[in-house]
Amino acid sequence: MPIYEYKCTTCSHEFQAMQKFSDAPVRQCPACGAPVKKLISRSSFHLKGTGWYLTDYAKKNSPSASEGESSSSSSSPSGDKGPASPSDKD
């Protein structure tokens, strides 16, 4: 059930109400009985299930990832030469 936030227009009292989607919105402040205004607030967001974590992606591509590592290690773009280019200038 979602939690809605309200603020009283008279006494500025802020409160929360856990309501169903089908429930009518709160119209009166519980502290003073004046009209309230529904606030828009940031909600929590959770990604649940498979495929949302780095480890899940690694499991799906593990055979191709290991092949990519073996081929890239044999012909690395940087090479094993390292700082050999400064000695070539001499």
PDB file of N, CA and C in Angstrom:
ATOM      1  N   MET A   1       0.843  -1.186   0.000  1.00  0.00           N
ATOM      2  CA  MET A   1       0.000   0.000   0.000  1.00  0.00           C
ATOM      3  C   MET A   1       0.884   1.245   0.000  1.00  0.00           C
ATOM      4  N   PRO A   2       0.546   2.200  -0.809  1.00  0.00           N
ATOM      5  CA  PRO A   2       1.351   3.422  -0.857  1.00  0.00           C
ATOM      6  C   PRO A   2       1.148   4.305   0.370  1.00  0.00           C
ATOM      7  N   ILE A   3       2.164   5.076   0.657  1.00  0.00           N
ATOM      8  CA  ILE A   3       2.106   6.037   1.760  1.00  0.00           C
ATOM      9  C   ILE A   3       2.059   7.426   1.141  1.00  0.00           C
ATOM     10  N   TYR A   4       1.043   8.182   1.493  1.00  0.00           N
ATOM     11  CA  TYR A   4       0.871   9.540   0.986  1.00  0.00           C
ATOM     12  C   TYR A   4       1.207  10.539   2.074  1.00  0.00           C
ATOM     13  N   GLU A   5       1.776  11.664   1.665  1.00  0.00           N
ATOM     14  CA  GLU A   5       2.100  12.738   2.606  1.00  0.00           C
ATOM     15  C   GLU A   5       1.134  13.896   2.393  1.00  0.00           C
ATOM     16  N   TYR A   6       0.716  14.492   3.501  1.00  0.00           N
ATOM     17  CA  TYR A   6      -0.207  15.617   3.478  1.00  0.00           C
ATOM     18  C   TYR A   6       0.348  16.744   4.338  1.00  0.00           C
ATOM     19  N   LYS A   7      -0.089  17.978   4.019  1.00  0.00           N
ATOM     20  CA  LYS A   7       0.308  19.146   4.803  1.00  0.00           C
ATOM     21  C   LYS A   7      -0.928  20.018   5.008  1.00  0.00           C
ATOM     22  N   CYS A   8      -1.139  20.429   6.248  1.00  0.00           N
ATOM     23  CA  CYS A   8      -2.281  21.279   6.583  1.00  0.00           C
ATOM     24  C   CYS A   8      -2.034  22.687   6.048  1.00  0.00           C
ATOM     25  N   THR A   9      -3.070  23.276   5.469  1.00  0.00           N
ATOM     26  CA  THR A   9      -2.940  24.625   4.922  1.00  0.00           C
ATOM     27  C   THR A   9      -2.992  25.694   6.011  1.00  0.00           C
ATOM     28  N   THR A  10      -3.496  25.337   7.211  1.00  0.00           N
ATOM     29  CA  THR A  10      -3.622  26.311   8.285  1.00  0.00           C
ATOM     30  C   THR A  10      -2.465  26.241   9.282  1.00  0.00           C
ATOM     31  N   CYS A  11      -2.249  25.052   9.856  1.00  0.00           N
ATOM     32  CA  CYS A  11      -1.240  24.925  10.920  1.00  0.00           C
ATOM     33  C   CYS A  11       0.087  24.353  10.422  1.00  0.00           C
ATOM     34  N   SER A  12       0.211  24.042   9.127  1.00  0.00           N
ATOM     35  CA  SER A  12       1.427  23.500   8.499  1.00  0.00           C
ATOM     36  C   SER A  12       1.852  22.156   9.079  1.00  0.00           C
ATOM     37  N   HIS A  13       0.916  21.433   9.681  1.00  0.00           N
ATOM     38  CA  HIS A  13       1.199  20.101  10.219  1.00  0.00           C
ATOM     39  C   HIS A  13       1.367  19.132   9.042  1.00  0.00           C
ATOM     40  N   GLU A  14       2.488  18.399   9.025  1.00  0.00           N
ATOM     41  CA  GLU A  14       2.733  17.409   7.983  1.00  0.00           C
ATOM     42  C   GLU A  14       2.545  16.025   8.568  1.00  0.00           C
ATOM     43  N   PHE A  15       1.851  15.162   7.820  1.00  0.00           N
ATOM     44  CA  PHE A  15       1.622  13.799   8.288  1.00  0.00           C
ATOM     45  C   PHE A  15       1.536  12.865   7.096  1.00  0.00           C
ATOM     46  N   GLN A  16       1.609  11.570   7.390  1.00  0.00           N
ATOM     47  CA  GLN A  16       1.555  10.546   6.358  1.00  0.00           C
ATOM     48  C   GLN A  16       0.338   9.666   6.589  1.00  0.00           C
ATOM     49  N   ALA A  17      -0.192   9.119   5.507  1.00  0.00           N
ATOM     50  CA  ALA A  17      -1.319   8.201   5.584  1.00  0.00           C
ATOM     51  C   ALA A  17      -1.081   7.043   4.631  1.00  0.00           C
ATOM     52  N   MET A  18      -1.190   5.807   5.147  1.00  0.00           N
ATOM     53  CA  MET A  18      -1.070   4.631   4.314  1.00  0.00           C
ATOM     54  C   MET A  18      -2.465   4.304   3.793  1.00  0.00           C
ATOM     55  N   GLN A  19      -2.628   4.388   2.478  1.00  0.00           N
ATOM     56  CA  GLN A  19      -3.941   4.234   1.872  1.00  0.00           C
ATOM     57  C   GLN A  19      -3.878   3.336   0.646  1.00  0.00           C
ATOM     58  N   LYS A  20      -4.994   2.705   0.350  1.00  0.00           N
ATOM     59  CA  LYS A  20      -5.127   1.953  -0.888  1.00  0.00           C
ATOM     60  C   LYS A  20      -5.357   2.956  -2.016  1.00  0.00           C
ATOM     61  N   PHE A  21      -5.156   2.514  -3.232  1.00  0.00           N
ATOM     62  CA  PHE A  21      -5.426   3.384  -4.372  1.00  0.00           C
ATOM     63  C   PHE A  21      -6.904   3.741  -4.449  1.00  0.00           C
ATOM     64  N   SER A  22      -7.747   2.816  -4.016  1.00  0.00           N
ATOM     65  CA  SER A  22      -9.192   3.032  -4.095  1.00  0.00           C
ATOM     66  C   SER A  22      -9.736   3.901  -2.962  1.00  0.00           C
ATOM     67  N   ASP A  23      -8.929   4.146  -1.904  1.00  0.00           N
ATOM     68  CA  ASP A  23      -9.380   4.987  -0.781  1.00  0.00           C
ATOM     69  C   ASP A  23      -9.482   6.446  -1.199  1.00  0.00           C
ATOM     70  N   ALA A  24     -10.415   7.140  -0.585  1.00  0.00           N
ATOM     71  CA  ALA A  24     -10.551   8.584  -0.817  1.00  0.00           C
ATOM     72  C   ALA A  24      -9.391   9.309  -0.134  1.00  0.00           C
ATOM     73  N   PRO A  25      -8.899  10.402  -0.717  1.00  0.00           N
ATOM     74  CA  PRO A  25      -7.804  11.143  -0.084  1.00  0.00           C
ATOM     75  C   PRO A  25      -8.252  11.788   1.225  1.00  0.00           C
ATOM     76  N   VAL A  26      -7.279  12.019   2.106  1.00  0.00           N
ATOM     77  CA  VAL A  26      -7.558  12.684   3.381  1.00  0.00           C
ATOM     78  C   VAL A  26      -7.908  14.135   3.080  1.00  0.00           C
ATOM     79  N   ARG A  27      -8.937  14.642   3.731  1.00  0.00           N
ATOM     80  CA  ARG A  27      -9.392  16.010   3.464  1.00  0.00           C
ATOM     81  C   ARG A  27      -9.189  16.949   4.649  1.00  0.00           C
ATOM     82  N   GLN A  28      -9.047  16.392   5.872  1.00  0.00           N
ATOM     83  CA  GLN A  28      -8.927  17.234   7.063  1.00  0.00           C
ATOM     84  C   GLN A  28      -7.673  16.892   7.849  1.00  0.00           C
ATOM     85  N   CYS A  29      -7.095  17.911   8.437  1.00  0.00           N
ATOM     86  CA  CYS A  29      -5.919  17.760   9.290  1.00  0.00           C
ATOM     87  C   CYS A  29      -6.329  17.061  10.584  1.00  0.00           C
ATOM     88  N   PRO A  30      -5.578  16.044  11.021  1.00  0.00           N
ATOM     89  CA  PRO A  30      -5.929  15.384  12.277  1.00  0.00           C
ATOM     90  C   PRO A  30      -5.663  16.267  13.505  1.00  0.00           C
ATOM     91  N   ALA A  31      -4.826  17.289  13.355  1.00  0.00           N
ATOM     92  CA  ALA A  31      -4.495  18.161  14.489  1.00  0.00           C
ATOM     93  C   ALA A  31      -5.527  19.269  14.684  1.00  0.00           C
ATOM     94  N   CYS A  32      -5.939  19.923  13.590  1.00  0.00           N
ATOM     95  CA  CYS A  32      -6.829  21.075  13.752  1.00  0.00           C
ATOM     96  C   CYS A  32      -8.129  20.978  12.945  1.00  0.00           C
ATOM     97  N   GLY A  33      -8.248  20.031  12.031  1.00  0.00           N
ATOM     98  CA  GLY A  33      -9.468  19.865  11.250  1.00  0.00           C
ATOM     99  C   GLY A  33      -9.563  20.732  10.005  1.00  0.00           C
ATOM    100  N   ALA A  34      -8.533  21.497   9.703  1.00  0.00           N
ATOM    101  CA  ALA A  34      -8.525  22.362   8.516  1.00  0.00           C
ATOM    102  C   ALA A  34      -8.238  21.529   7.266  1.00  0.00           C
ATOM    103  N   PRO A  35      -8.486  22.073   6.077  1.00  0.00           N
ATOM    104  CA  PRO A  35      -8.194  21.336   4.836  1.00  0.00           C
ATOM    105  C   PRO A  35      -6.696  21.066   4.672  1.00  0.00           C
ATOM    106  N   VAL A  36      -6.390  19.965   4.009  1.00  0.00           N
ATOM    107  CA  VAL A  36      -4.996  19.583   3.783  1.00  0.00           C
ATOM    108  C   VAL A  36      -4.712  19.518   2.290  1.00  0.00           C
ATOM    109  N   LYS A  37      -3.437  19.557   1.969  1.00  0.00           N
ATOM    110  CA  LYS A  37      -2.980  19.466   0.592  1.00  0.00           C
ATOM    111  C   LYS A  37      -2.058  18.253   0.485  1.00  0.00           C
ATOM    112  N   LYS A  38      -2.240  17.450  -0.566  1.00  0.00           N
ATOM    113  CA  LYS A  38      -1.386  16.273  -0.771  1.00  0.00           C
ATOM    114  C   LYS A  38      -0.038  16.733  -1.311  1.00  0.00           C
ATOM    115  N   LEU A  39       1.029  16.231  -0.712  1.00  0.00           N
ATOM    116  CA  LEU A  39       2.385  16.579  -1.137  1.00  0.00           C
ATOM    117  C   LEU A  39       2.899  15.535  -2.118  1.00  0.00           C
ATOM    118  N   ILE A  40       3.739  15.966  -3.000  1.00  0.00           N
ATOM    119  CA  ILE A  40       4.410  15.049  -3.919  1.00  0.00           C
ATOM    120  C   ILE A  40       5.820  14.859  -3.382  1.00  0.00           C
ATOM    121  N   SER A  41       6.140  13.627  -3.064  1.00  0.00           N
ATOM    122  CA  SER A  41       7.451  13.353  -2.485  1.00  0.00           C
ATOM    123  C   SER A  41       8.150  12.254  -3.273  1.00  0.00           C
ATOM    124  N   ARG A  42       9.416  12.107  -3.016  1.00  0.00           N
ATOM    125  CA  ARG A  42      10.222  11.097  -3.677  1.00  0.00           C
ATOM    126  C   ARG A  42       9.848   9.728  -3.117  1.00  0.00           C
ATOM    127  N   SER A  43       9.642   8.798  -3.983  1.00  0.00           N
ATOM    128  CA  SER A  43       9.291   7.450  -3.538  1.00  0.00           C
ATOM    129  C   SER A  43      10.508   6.551  -3.606  1.00  0.00           C
ATOM    130  N   SER A  44      10.459   5.465  -2.873  1.00  0.00           N
ATOM    131  CA  SER A  44      11.550   4.500  -2.944  1.00  0.00           C
ATOM    132  C   SER A  44      11.375   3.662  -4.196  1.00  0.00           C
ATOM    133  N   PHE A  45      12.477   3.205  -4.737  1.00  0.00           N
ATOM    134  CA  PHE A  45      12.447   2.474  -5.994  1.00  0.00           C
ATOM    135  C   PHE A  45      13.373   1.277  -5.858  1.00  0.00           C
ATOM    136  N   HIS A  46      12.825   0.095  -5.963  1.00  0.00           N
ATOM    137  CA  HIS A  46      13.617  -1.119  -5.814  1.00  0.00           C
ATOM    138  C   HIS A  46      13.515  -1.957  -7.084  1.00  0.00           C
ATOM    139  N   LEU A  47      14.656  -2.357  -7.599  1.00  0.00           N
ATOM    140  CA  LEU A  47      14.690  -3.258  -8.741  1.00  0.00           C
ATOM    141  C   LEU A  47      14.822  -4.666  -8.186  1.00  0.00           C
ATOM    142  N   LYS A  48      13.786  -5.470  -8.378  1.00  0.00           N
ATOM    143  CA  LYS A  48      13.796  -6.828  -7.846  1.00  0.00           C
ATOM    144  C   LYS A  48      13.759  -7.824  -8.990  1.00  0.00           C
ATOM    145  N   GLY A  49      14.303  -8.987  -8.741  1.00  0.00           N
ATOM    146  CA  GLY A  49      14.326 -10.027  -9.748  1.00  0.00           C
ATOM    147  C   GLY A  49      15.725 -10.218 -10.301  1.00  0.00           C
ATOM    148  N   THR A  50      15.832 -11.077 -11.286  1.00  0.00           N
ATOM    149  CA  THR A  50      17.148 -11.357 -11.858  1.00  0.00           C
ATOM    150  C   THR A  50      17.491 -10.330 -12.921  1.00  0.00           C
ATOM    151  N   GLY A  51      18.769 -10.159 -13.153  1.00  0.00           N
ATOM    152  CA  GLY A  51      19.229  -9.278 -14.214  1.00  0.00           C
ATOM    153  C   GLY A  51      19.505  -7.856 -13.797  1.00  0.00           C
ATOM    154  N   TRP A  52      19.395  -7.538 -12.527  1.00  0.00           N
ATOM    155  CA  TRP A  52      19.600  -6.156 -12.091  1.00  0.00           C
ATOM    156  C   TRP A  52      20.931  -5.940 -11.397  1.00  0.00           C
ATOM    157  N   TYR A  53      21.723  -6.980 -11.249  1.00  0.00           N
ATOM    158  CA  TYR A  53      22.985  -6.852 -10.552  1.00  0.00           C
ATOM    159  C   TYR A  53      24.125  -7.230 -11.486  1.00  0.00           C
ATOM    160  N   LEU A  54      25.295  -6.735 -11.210  1.00  0.00           N
ATOM    161  CA  LEU A  54      26.471  -7.010 -12.027  1.00  0.00           C
ATOM    162  C   LEU A  54      26.755  -8.504 -12.066  1.00  0.00           C
ATOM    163  N   THR A  55      26.554  -9.189 -10.943  1.00  0.00           N
ATOM    164  CA  THR A  55      26.817 -10.626 -10.904  1.00  0.00           C
ATOM    165  C   THR A  55      25.855 -11.388 -11.793  1.00  0.00           C
ATOM    166  N   ASP A  56      24.624 -10.927 -11.949  1.00  0.00           N
ATOM    167  CA  ASP A  56      23.667 -11.597 -12.822  1.00  0.00           C
ATOM    168  C   ASP A  56      24.097 -11.493 -14.278  1.00  0.00           C
ATOM    169  N   TYR A  57      24.619 -10.351 -14.679  1.00  0.00           N
ATOM    170  CA  TYR A  57      25.075 -10.190 -16.050  1.00  0.00           C
ATOM    171  C   TYR A  57      26.314 -11.041 -16.311  1.00  0.00           C
ATOM    172  N   ALA A  58      27.173 -11.148 -15.315  1.00  0.00           N
ATOM    173  CA  ALA A  58      28.383 -11.948 -15.472  1.00  0.00           C
ATOM    174  C   ALA A  58      28.043 -13.422 -15.643  1.00  0.00           C
ATOM    175  N   LYS A  59      27.012 -13.883 -14.979  1.00  0.00           N
ATOM    176  CA  LYS A  59      26.619 -15.285 -15.098  1.00  0.00           C
ATOM    177  C   LYS A  59      26.118 -15.595 -16.504  1.00  0.00           C
ATOM    178  N   LYS A  60      25.378 -14.679 -17.089  1.00  0.00           N
ATOM    179  CA  LYS A  60      24.840 -14.908 -18.430  1.00  0.00           C
ATOM    180  C   LYS A  60      25.945 -14.945 -19.474  1.00  0.00           C
ATOM    181  N   ASN A  61      26.954 -14.107 -19.341  1.00  0.00           N
ATOM    182  CA  ASN A  61      28.007 -13.965 -20.344  1.00  0.00           C
ATOM    183  C   ASN A  61      29.329 -14.596 -19.910  1.00  0.00           C
ATOM    184  N   SER A  62      29.305 -15.474 -18.934  1.00  0.00           N
ATOM    185  CA  SER A  62      30.559 -15.998 -18.411  1.00  0.00           C
ATOM    186  C   SER A  62      31.384 -16.765 -19.452  1.00  0.00           C
ATOM    187  N   PRO A  63      30.803 -17.620 -20.335  1.00  0.00           N
ATOM    188  CA  PRO A  63      31.650 -18.290 -21.328  1.00  0.00           C
ATOM    189  C   PRO A  63      32.280 -17.306 -22.313  1.00  0.00           C
ATOM    190  N   SER A  64      31.528 -16.348 -22.803  1.00  0.00           N
ATOM    191  CA  SER A  64      32.088 -15.394 -23.759  1.00  0.00           C
ATOM    192  C   SER A  64      33.037 -14.422 -23.079  1.00  0.00           C
ATOM    193  N   ALA A  65      32.794 -14.120 -21.806  1.00  0.00           N
ATOM    194  CA  ALA A  65      33.691 -13.216 -21.085  1.00  0.00           C
ATOM    195  C   ALA A  65      35.050 -13.878 -20.880  1.00  0.00           C
ATOM    196  N   SER A  66      35.054 -15.185 -20.572  1.00  0.00           N
ATOM    197  CA  SER A  66      36.330 -15.867 -20.386  1.00  0.00           C
ATOM    198  C   SER A  66      37.074 -16.000 -21.707  1.00  0.00           C
ATOM    199  N   GLU A  67      36.348 -16.180 -22.821  1.00  0.00           N
ATOM    200  CA  GLU A  67      36.987 -16.231 -24.132  1.00  0.00           C
ATOM    201  C   GLU A  67      37.588 -14.881 -24.487  1.00  0.00           C
ATOM    202  N   GLY A  68      36.866 -13.796 -24.162  1.00  0.00           N
ATOM    203  CA  GLY A  68      37.345 -12.453 -24.454  1.00  0.00           C
ATOM    204  C   GLY A  68      38.598 -12.121 -23.670  1.00  0.00           C
ATOM    205  N   GLU A  69      38.660 -12.600 -22.439  1.00  0.00           N
ATOM    206  CA  GLU A  69      39.839 -12.335 -21.621  1.00  0.00           C
ATOM    207  C   GLU A  69      41.050 -13.075 -22.175  1.00  0.00           C
ATOM    208  N   SER A  70      40.864 -14.335 -22.614  1.00  0.00           N
ATOM    209  CA  SER A  70      42.000 -15.090 -23.118  1.00  0.00           C
ATOM    210  C   SER A  70      42.520 -14.519 -24.437  1.00  0.00           C
ATOM    211  N   SER A  71      41.613 -14.053 -25.309  1.00  0.00           N
ATOM    212  CA  SER A  71      42.059 -13.478 -26.570  1.00  0.00           C
ATOM    213  C   SER A  71      42.675 -12.098 -26.367  1.00  0.00           C
ATOM    214  N   SER A  72      42.158 -11.335 -25.417  1.00  0.00           N
ATOM    215  CA  SER A  72      42.707 -10.006 -25.196  1.00  0.00           C
ATOM    216  C   SER A  72      44.051 -10.074 -24.476  1.00  0.00           C
ATOM    217  N   SER A  73      44.275 -11.119 -23.672  1.00  0.00           N
ATOM    218  CA  SER A  73      45.546 -11.216 -22.978  1.00  0.00           C
ATOM    219  C   SER A  73      46.666 -11.617 -23.936  1.00  0.00           C
ATOM    220  N   SER A  74      46.323 -12.356 -25.005  1.00  0.00           N
ATOM    221  CA  SER A  74      47.360 -12.756 -25.956  1.00  0.00           C
ATOM    222  C   SER A  74      47.761 -11.596 -26.869  1.00  0.00           C
ATOM    223  N   SER A  75      46.820 -10.722 -27.170  1.00  0.00           N
ATOM    224  CA  SER A  75      47.139  -9.577 -28.015  1.00  0.00           C
ATOM    225  C   SER A  75      46.588  -8.317 -27.367  1.00  0.00           C
ATOM    226  N   SER A  76      47.250  -7.861 -26.328  1.00  0.00           N
ATOM    227  CA  SER A  76      46.772  -6.673 -25.631  1.00  0.00           C
ATOM    228  C   SER A  76      47.133  -5.434 -26.443  1.00  0.00           C
ATOM    229  N   PRO A  77      46.240  -4.421 -26.454  1.00  0.00           N
ATOM    230  CA  PRO A  77      46.511  -3.218 -27.235  1.00  0.00           C
ATOM    231  C   PRO A  77      47.694  -2.419 -26.703  1.00  0.00           C
ATOM    232  N   SER A  78      47.952  -2.445 -25.414  1.00  0.00           N
ATOM    233  CA  SER A  78      49.062  -1.687 -24.862  1.00  0.00           C
ATOM    234  C   SER A  78      50.384  -2.425 -25.047  1.00  0.00           C
ATOM    235  N   GLY A  79      50.318  -3.753 -25.122  1.00  0.00           N
ATOM    236  CA  GLY A  79      51.531  -4.539 -25.323  1.00  0.00           C
ATOM    237  C   GLY A  79      52.338  -4.648 -24.048  1.00  0.00           C
ATOM    238  N   ASP A  80      53.344  -5.498 -24.063  1.00  0.00           N
ATOM    239  CA  ASP A  80      54.205  -5.679 -22.900  1.00  0.00           C
ATOM    240  C   ASP A  80      55.461  -4.833 -23.018  1.00  0.00           C
ATOM    241  N   LYS A  81      55.562  -4.041 -24.049  1.00  0.00           N
ATOM    242  CA  LYS A  81      56.746  -3.232 -24.270  1.00  0.00           C
ATOM    243  C   LYS A  81      56.853  -2.122 -23.244  1.00  0.00           C
ATOM    244  N   GLY A  82      55.736  -1.510 -22.894  1.00  0.00           N
ATOM    245  CA  GLY A  82      55.719  -0.469 -21.870  1.00  0.00           C
ATOM    246  C   GLY A  82      56.543   0.745 -22.277  1.00  0.00           C
ATOM    247  N   PRO A  83      57.559   1.128 -21.478  1.00  0.00           N
ATOM    248  CA  PRO A  83      58.344   2.353 -21.752  1.00  0.00           C
ATOM    249  C   PRO A  83      59.494   2.121 -22.728  1.00  0.00           C
ATOM    250  N   ALA A  84      59.319   1.258 -23.706  1.00  0.00           N
ATOM    251  CA  ALA A  84      60.395   0.997 -24.673  1.00  0.00           C
ATOM    252  C   ALA A  84      60.521   2.100 -25.699  1.00  0.00           C
ATOM    253  N   SER A  85      59.465   2.886 -25.909  1.00  0.00           N
ATOM    254  CA  SER A  85      59.537   3.937 -26.911  1.00  0.00           C
ATOM    255  C   SER A  85      60.527   5.039 -26.568  1.00  0.00           C
ATOM    256  N   PRO A  86      60.736   5.449 -25.284  1.00  0.00           N
ATOM    257  CA  PRO A  86      61.769   6.453 -25.020  1.00  0.00           C
ATOM    258  C   PRO A  86      63.175   5.963 -25.351  1.00  0.00           C
ATOM    259  N   SER A  87      63.451   4.658 -25.189  1.00  0.00           N
ATOM    260  CA  SER A  87      64.790   4.145 -25.501  1.00  0.00           C
ATOM    261  C   SER A  87      65.008   4.083 -27.013  1.00  0.00           C
ATOM    262  N   ASP A  88      63.910   3.994 -27.795  1.00  0.00           N
ATOM    263  CA  ASP A  88      64.036   3.983 -29.249  1.00  0.00           C
ATOM    264  C   ASP A  88      64.515   5.339 -29.780  1.00  0.00           C
ATOM    265  N   LYS A  89      64.255   6.411 -29.042  1.00  0.00           N
ATOM    266  CA  LYS A  89      64.633   7.747 -29.486  1.00  0.00           C
ATOM    267  C   LYS A  89      66.144   7.969 -29.378  1.00  0.00           C
ATOM    268  N   ASP A  90      66.835   7.205 -28.543  1.00  0.00           N
ATOM    269  CA  ASP A  90      68.277   7.405 -28.349  1.00  0.00           C
ATOM    270  C   ASP A  90      69.065   6.955 -29.473  1.00  0.00           C
TER     271      ASP A  90
END
